[in-house]
Amino acid sequence: MSIYDFTVKTIDGQDRSLGDYRGKVLLVVNTASECGYRCPPANT
């Protein structure tokens, strides 16, 4: 199993295969659903 075998939800609720990004640079940001994103520059 590789990262390309996973499917994730996009910000608008759609399912997206990480295989769609094979051969591209991909930044994965993992946050807990109860905590939210904690990077102040990104919140402005």
N, C-alpha and C. Protein backbone atom coordinates (compact mmCIF):
# COMPACT_ATOMS: atom_id res chain seq x y z
N MET A 1 0.84 -1.18 0.00
CA MET A 1 0.00 0.00 0.00
C MET A 1 0.89 1.24 0.00
N SER A 2 0.51 2.22 -0.78
CA SER A 2 1.25 3.48 -0.82
C SER A 2 0.28 4.64 -0.59
N ILE A 3 0.81 5.84 -0.48
CA ILE A 3 -0.03 7.02 -0.28
C ILE A 3 -1.01 7.20 -1.43
N TYR A 4 -0.66 6.73 -2.61
CA TYR A 4 -1.52 6.88 -3.78
C TYR A 4 -2.76 6.00 -3.72
N ASP A 5 -2.81 5.07 -2.77
CA ASP A 5 -3.97 4.21 -2.61
C ASP A 5 -5.06 4.84 -1.74
N PHE A 6 -4.76 5.97 -1.11
CA PHE A 6 -5.71 6.61 -0.20
C PHE A 6 -6.63 7.57 -0.94
N THR A 7 -7.84 7.69 -0.42
CA THR A 7 -8.81 8.67 -0.89
C THR A 7 -9.10 9.61 0.27
N VAL A 8 -9.17 10.90 -0.01
CA VAL A 8 -9.40 11.90 1.03
C VAL A 8 -10.59 12.77 0.63
N LYS A 9 -11.11 13.51 1.61
CA LYS A 9 -12.18 14.48 1.35
C LYS A 9 -11.56 15.84 1.08
N THR A 10 -12.03 16.49 0.04
CA THR A 10 -11.58 17.85 -0.25
C THR A 10 -12.30 18.82 0.68
N ILE A 11 -11.89 20.06 0.67
CA ILE A 11 -12.50 21.06 1.54
C ILE A 11 -13.99 21.25 1.24
N ASP A 12 -14.40 20.93 0.02
CA ASP A 12 -15.82 21.05 -0.32
C ASP A 12 -16.58 19.73 -0.22
N GLY A 13 -15.95 18.73 0.43
CA GLY A 13 -16.64 17.47 0.73
C GLY A 13 -16.59 16.40 -0.33
N GLN A 14 -15.87 16.62 -1.41
CA GLN A 14 -15.76 15.64 -2.49
C GLN A 14 -14.65 14.63 -2.17
N ASP A 15 -14.82 13.39 -2.61
CA ASP A 15 -13.77 12.39 -2.48
C ASP A 15 -12.74 12.60 -3.58
N ARG A 16 -11.46 12.49 -3.20
CA ARG A 16 -10.37 12.68 -4.18
C ARG A 16 -9.30 11.63 -3.93
N SER A 17 -8.90 10.93 -4.96
CA SER A 17 -7.83 9.94 -4.86
C SER A 17 -6.48 10.63 -4.86
N LEU A 18 -5.61 10.25 -3.94
CA LEU A 18 -4.27 10.81 -3.95
C LEU A 18 -3.48 10.32 -5.16
N GLY A 19 -3.95 9.26 -5.79
CA GLY A 19 -3.35 8.80 -7.03
C GLY A 19 -3.43 9.84 -8.14
N ASP A 20 -4.40 10.77 -8.02
CA ASP A 20 -4.51 11.86 -9.00
C ASP A 20 -3.29 12.77 -8.98
N TYR A 21 -2.53 12.71 -7.88
CA TYR A 21 -1.38 13.60 -7.72
C TYR A 21 -0.05 12.90 -7.96
N ARG A 22 -0.10 11.67 -8.45
CA ARG A 22 1.14 10.93 -8.72
C ARG A 22 2.03 11.73 -9.66
N GLY A 23 3.32 11.87 -9.29
CA GLY A 23 4.28 12.61 -10.10
C GLY A 23 4.28 14.11 -9.86
N LYS A 24 3.46 14.56 -8.92
CA LYS A 24 3.39 15.99 -8.60
C LYS A 24 3.83 16.20 -7.15
N VAL A 25 4.23 17.41 -6.83
CA VAL A 25 4.57 17.76 -5.45
C VAL A 25 3.26 17.97 -4.70
N LEU A 26 3.13 17.35 -3.54
CA LEU A 26 1.89 17.42 -2.77
C LEU A 26 2.21 17.71 -1.32
N LEU A 27 1.60 18.73 -0.76
CA LEU A 27 1.74 19.07 0.65
C LEU A 27 0.51 18.55 1.37
N VAL A 28 0.71 17.66 2.33
CA VAL A 28 -0.40 17.10 3.11
C VAL A 28 -0.38 17.75 4.48
N VAL A 29 -1.48 18.40 4.85
CA VAL A 29 -1.62 19.02 6.17
C VAL A 29 -2.68 18.23 6.92
N ASN A 30 -2.28 17.61 8.01
CA ASN A 30 -3.20 16.78 8.80
C ASN A 30 -3.56 17.53 10.08
N THR A 31 -4.84 17.81 10.27
CA THR A 31 -5.30 18.47 11.50
C THR A 31 -6.40 17.64 12.13
N ALA A 32 -6.53 17.75 13.44
CA ALA A 32 -7.63 17.08 14.14
C ALA A 32 -8.91 17.87 13.92
N SER A 33 -10.02 17.19 13.77
CA SER A 33 -11.28 17.87 13.47
C SER A 33 -11.72 18.80 14.60
N GLU A 34 -11.30 18.54 15.81
CA GLU A 34 -11.69 19.38 16.95
C GLU A 34 -10.74 20.56 17.16
N CYS A 35 -9.56 20.54 16.55
CA CYS A 35 -8.56 21.58 16.82
C CYS A 35 -8.53 22.68 15.78
N GLY A 36 -8.78 22.36 14.55
CA GLY A 36 -8.68 23.37 13.49
C GLY A 36 -7.23 23.62 13.12
N TYR A 37 -7.05 24.45 12.12
CA TYR A 37 -5.72 24.77 11.62
C TYR A 37 -5.13 25.88 12.49
N ARG A 38 -3.89 25.71 12.94
CA ARG A 38 -3.28 26.62 13.92
C ARG A 38 -2.12 27.44 13.38
N CYS A 39 -2.12 27.79 12.13
CA CYS A 39 -1.05 28.58 11.55
C CYS A 39 -1.56 30.01 11.34
N PRO A 40 -1.19 30.95 12.21
CA PRO A 40 -1.73 32.32 12.12
C PRO A 40 -1.61 32.96 10.74
N PRO A 41 -0.48 32.86 10.02
CA PRO A 41 -0.43 33.50 8.69
C PRO A 41 -1.47 32.94 7.72
N ALA A 42 -1.82 31.67 7.87
CA ALA A 42 -2.79 31.06 6.96
C ALA A 42 -4.22 31.50 7.28
N ASN A 43 -4.44 32.00 8.48
CA ASN A 43 -5.79 32.41 8.88
C ASN A 43 -6.11 33.85 8.52
N THR A 44 -5.15 34.57 7.92
CA THR A 44 -5.40 35.97 7.58
C THR A 44 -5.80 36.12 6.13
